[in-house]
Amino acid sequence: MLVFVWSLVIVLVAEMADKTQLLAMAFACRFRWRSVMAGVFVATLANNILAVVVGSLIGTSVNVQVVQIVAAASFILFGLWTLRGNGSEDDAKRTARFGPVVTVAIAFFVAEMGDKTQLATAALAAKYQAPVAVLAGSTLGMLAANAIGIYVGVAAGRRLPDNVLRWGSALIFIGFGYVALYSSIPREFVTVPWGALLVVLTAGGIWAATRLN
């Protein structure tokens, strides 16, 4: 029980104001909260099982940098995708090839690969040798933190115009993509020309996405 509570508290605190909590908020502005919560649960469970079972292999057998770069690119692409449509659930279902639950689950799973909460879960499992308690506590902590983000997103969705929600969500995704790219790509690519190219490509993507509305 102590391991369960300790895992819950550590992951809950680590997840507060983390990128995935804000992503939950952005998703809740576009999808129904039940779909977002289901996707978060699936991704969290899969991610924490991976951390508990093969946590010692993360960073040695898996190239975390590549995963983080892919995650960063997916944030930018999802931000551009968010600019399409009117933000309704029906539109989301048509646009998301696999539906909102799987879309959220994939985004969260990729976003959490190599994140501090996954590494904390792996460290707790290695330290206490109580995989079930760590898995249960860390999963519940993640769900609790992201439930707060979903609640804020739902509340915002009831009060803000659709255009504001759509652009706000898109900017959150694109902003996280930029930050994640900066922190994960090799330093030789962090230059003004490469940065300018990324901005031009993003601007072109925004123009194309808005033209498709």
Protein backbone atom coordinates (compact mmCIF):
# COMPACT_ATOMS: atom_id res chain seq x y z
CA MET A 1 0.00 0.00 0.00
CA LEU A 2 2.84 2.41 0.82
CA VAL A 3 4.47 1.73 -2.55
CA PHE A 4 1.12 2.30 -4.28
CA VAL A 5 0.54 5.63 -2.50
CA TRP A 6 4.12 6.77 -3.03
CA SER A 7 3.98 5.96 -6.75
CA LEU A 8 0.65 7.77 -7.08
CA VAL A 9 1.93 10.92 -5.35
CA ILE A 10 5.23 11.08 -7.24
CA VAL A 11 3.62 10.64 -10.67
CA LEU A 12 0.74 13.01 -9.85
CA VAL A 13 3.14 15.78 -8.81
CA ALA A 14 5.46 15.14 -11.77
CA GLU A 15 2.55 15.27 -14.22
CA MET A 16 1.13 18.59 -12.98
CA ALA A 17 1.65 21.27 -15.67
CA ASP A 18 3.44 18.66 -17.81
CA LYS A 19 2.97 18.68 -21.57
CA THR A 20 0.57 15.73 -21.55
CA GLN A 21 -1.71 17.40 -19.00
CA LEU A 22 -1.95 20.42 -21.30
CA LEU A 23 -2.44 18.11 -24.27
CA ALA A 24 -5.36 16.52 -22.43
CA MET A 25 -6.81 20.00 -22.08
CA ALA A 26 -6.41 20.64 -25.80
CA PHE A 27 -7.93 17.28 -26.75
CA ALA A 28 -10.89 17.90 -24.43
CA CYS A 29 -11.66 21.07 -26.38
CA ARG A 30 -12.10 18.98 -29.53
CA PHE A 31 -13.35 15.54 -28.45
CA ARG A 32 -15.86 14.42 -25.84
CA TRP A 33 -14.27 14.04 -22.43
CA ARG A 34 -15.11 10.32 -22.26
CA SER A 35 -13.16 9.70 -25.47
CA VAL A 36 -10.18 11.66 -24.19
CA MET A 37 -10.20 9.90 -20.81
CA ALA A 38 -10.43 6.49 -22.46
CA GLY A 39 -7.51 7.30 -24.76
CA VAL A 40 -5.45 8.60 -21.84
CA PHE A 41 -6.17 5.45 -19.84
CA VAL A 42 -5.13 3.11 -22.66
CA ALA A 43 -1.94 5.06 -23.36
CA THR A 44 -1.06 5.42 -19.68
CA LEU A 45 -1.57 1.74 -18.95
CA ALA A 46 0.49 0.65 -21.96
CA ASN A 47 3.23 3.16 -21.21
CA ASN A 48 3.47 2.24 -17.53
CA ILE A 49 3.50 -1.48 -18.28
CA LEU A 50 6.40 -0.82 -20.62
CA ALA A 51 8.17 1.22 -17.94
CA VAL A 52 7.65 -1.41 -15.24
CA VAL A 53 8.55 -4.44 -17.35
CA VAL A 54 11.41 -3.14 -19.47
CA GLY A 55 12.23 0.12 -17.71
CA SER A 56 15.87 -0.87 -17.40
CA LEU A 57 16.11 -1.14 -21.20
CA ILE A 58 14.82 2.36 -21.91
CA GLY A 59 17.75 4.49 -22.92
CA THR A 60 19.98 1.52 -23.87
CA SER A 61 18.05 -0.70 -26.26
CA VAL A 62 15.67 2.07 -27.37
CA ASN A 63 16.88 5.27 -29.01
CA VAL A 64 14.87 7.71 -26.91
CA GLN A 65 16.11 10.69 -28.93
CA VAL A 66 14.56 9.33 -32.12
CA VAL A 67 11.27 8.70 -30.32
CA GLN A 68 11.27 12.23 -28.93
CA ILE A 69 11.93 13.73 -32.38
CA VAL A 70 9.05 11.71 -33.85
CA ALA A 71 6.82 12.85 -30.98
CA ALA A 72 7.76 16.48 -31.57
CA ALA A 73 6.96 16.22 -35.27
CA SER A 74 3.64 14.54 -34.47
CA PHE A 75 2.70 17.45 -32.17
CA ILE A 76 3.24 19.94 -34.99
CA LEU A 77 1.31 17.82 -37.49
CA PHE A 78 -1.56 17.34 -35.05
CA GLY A 79 -1.65 21.10 -34.47
CA LEU A 80 -2.03 21.64 -38.20
CA TRP A 81 -4.72 18.95 -38.35
CA THR A 82 -6.58 20.69 -35.51
CA LEU A 83 -7.02 23.78 -37.67
CA ARG A 84 -9.26 21.79 -40.00
CA GLY A 85 -12.98 21.31 -39.42
CA ASN A 86 -15.40 22.92 -37.03
CA GLY A 87 -14.27 21.12 -33.87
CA SER A 88 -17.36 18.95 -33.52
CA GLU A 89 -17.25 15.29 -32.50
CA ASP A 90 -18.60 14.14 -35.87
CA ASP A 91 -15.93 16.09 -37.71
CA ALA A 92 -13.28 14.71 -35.37
CA LYS A 93 -14.42 11.16 -36.07
CA ARG A 94 -14.30 11.71 -39.81
CA THR A 95 -10.90 13.38 -39.73
CA ALA A 96 -9.20 11.06 -37.25
CA ARG A 97 -8.75 7.88 -39.21
CA PHE A 98 -9.04 5.55 -36.23
CA GLY A 99 -11.45 7.62 -34.13
CA PRO A 100 -10.80 9.95 -31.19
CA VAL A 101 -9.95 7.29 -28.58
CA VAL A 102 -7.16 5.70 -30.63
CA THR A 103 -5.97 9.13 -31.81
CA VAL A 104 -5.61 10.34 -28.21
CA ALA A 105 -4.05 7.04 -27.09
CA ILE A 106 -1.37 7.12 -29.81
CA ALA A 107 -0.54 10.79 -29.18
CA PHE A 108 -0.22 10.26 -25.43
CA PHE A 109 1.79 7.05 -25.75
CA VAL A 110 4.34 8.67 -28.05
CA ALA A 111 4.44 11.84 -25.93
CA GLU A 112 5.21 9.89 -22.75
CA MET A 113 8.06 7.82 -24.25
CA GLY A 114 11.19 8.89 -22.40
CA ASP A 115 9.24 11.45 -20.35
CA LYS A 116 10.05 12.05 -16.68
CA THR A 117 6.91 10.24 -15.50
CA GLN A 118 7.85 7.09 -17.43
CA LEU A 119 11.39 7.21 -16.09
CA ALA A 120 10.06 7.78 -12.56
CA THR A 121 7.80 4.74 -12.92
CA ALA A 122 10.69 2.59 -14.10
CA ALA A 123 12.88 3.80 -11.22
CA LEU A 124 10.15 3.08 -8.66
CA ALA A 125 9.65 -0.43 -10.03
CA ALA A 126 13.37 -1.12 -9.88
CA LYS A 127 13.71 0.26 -6.36
CA TYR A 128 10.76 -1.40 -4.64
CA GLN A 129 10.40 -4.61 -6.68
CA ALA A 130 6.61 -4.28 -6.45
CA PRO A 131 5.54 -3.97 -10.10
CA VAL A 132 1.79 -4.29 -9.52
CA ALA A 133 1.70 -1.59 -6.82
CA VAL A 134 3.90 0.74 -8.88
CA LEU A 135 1.83 0.14 -12.01
CA ALA A 136 -1.46 0.81 -10.19
CA GLY A 137 -0.19 3.89 -8.37
CA SER A 138 1.53 5.51 -11.34
CA THR A 139 -1.44 4.85 -13.64
CA LEU A 140 -3.91 6.34 -11.17
CA GLY A 141 -1.63 9.34 -10.64
CA MET A 142 -1.46 9.99 -14.38
CA LEU A 143 -5.22 9.66 -14.76
CA ALA A 144 -5.87 12.04 -11.87
CA ALA A 145 -3.53 14.70 -13.25
CA ASN A 146 -4.93 14.45 -16.76
CA ALA A 147 -8.50 14.46 -15.48
CA ILE A 148 -7.78 17.97 -14.21
CA GLY A 149 -6.61 18.99 -17.69
CA ILE A 150 -9.69 17.41 -19.28
CA TYR A 151 -11.99 19.24 -16.85
CA VAL A 152 -10.36 22.57 -17.71
CA GLY A 153 -10.63 21.78 -21.42
CA VAL A 154 -14.33 20.91 -21.15
CA ALA A 155 -15.01 24.09 -19.15
CA ALA A 156 -13.17 26.16 -21.75
CA GLY A 157 -15.07 24.43 -24.55
CA ARG A 158 -18.37 25.59 -23.06
CA ARG A 159 -17.34 29.23 -22.81
CA LEU A 160 -15.06 30.02 -25.72
CA PRO A 161 -15.94 30.34 -29.42
CA ASP A 162 -14.99 27.44 -31.65
CA ASN A 163 -12.41 29.47 -33.58
CA VAL A 164 -10.64 30.43 -30.36
CA LEU A 165 -10.63 26.81 -29.18
CA ARG A 166 -9.36 25.52 -32.51
CA TRP A 167 -6.53 28.05 -32.79
CA GLY A 168 -5.66 27.74 -29.11
CA SER A 169 -5.43 23.96 -29.33
CA ALA A 170 -3.38 24.16 -32.53
CA LEU A 171 -0.92 26.62 -31.00
CA ILE A 172 -0.50 24.41 -27.93
CA PHE A 173 0.38 21.40 -30.08
CA ILE A 174 2.69 23.36 -32.39
CA GLY A 175 4.36 25.11 -29.46
CA PHE A 176 5.07 21.81 -27.71
CA GLY A 177 6.38 20.45 -30.98
CA TYR A 178 8.86 23.32 -31.27
CA VAL A 179 10.00 22.96 -27.66
CA ALA A 180 10.33 19.18 -27.98
CA LEU A 181 12.34 19.50 -31.20
CA TYR A 182 14.68 22.02 -29.58
CA SER A 183 15.32 19.73 -26.64
CA SER A 184 15.77 16.51 -28.65
CA ILE A 185 17.50 17.23 -31.97
CA PRO A 186 21.32 17.34 -32.21
CA ARG A 187 22.81 20.75 -31.40
CA GLU A 188 24.28 21.16 -34.90
CA PHE A 189 20.74 21.52 -36.25
CA VAL A 190 19.79 24.26 -33.77
CA THR A 191 20.70 27.09 -36.13
CA VAL A 192 18.94 30.12 -37.60
CA PRO A 193 18.61 28.63 -41.13
CA TRP A 194 17.07 25.38 -39.84
CA GLY A 195 14.80 27.33 -37.49
CA ALA A 196 13.69 29.61 -40.32
CA LEU A 197 12.97 26.58 -42.51
CA LEU A 198 10.81 25.05 -39.76
CA VAL A 199 8.87 28.31 -39.36
CA VAL A 200 8.31 28.57 -43.12
CA LEU A 201 7.12 24.94 -43.31
CA THR A 202 4.79 25.47 -40.35
CA ALA A 203 3.39 28.66 -41.86
CA GLY A 204 2.79 26.82 -45.12
CA GLY A 205 1.05 24.03 -43.24
CA ILE A 206 -1.16 26.52 -41.41
CA TRP A 207 -2.08 28.20 -44.69
CA ALA A 208 -2.92 24.83 -46.30
CA ALA A 209 -4.95 23.66 -43.28
CA THR A 210 -7.01 26.84 -43.11
CA ARG A 211 -7.62 26.73 -46.87
CA LEU A 212 -9.11 23.26 -46.44
CA ASN A 213 -11.74 24.53 -43.96
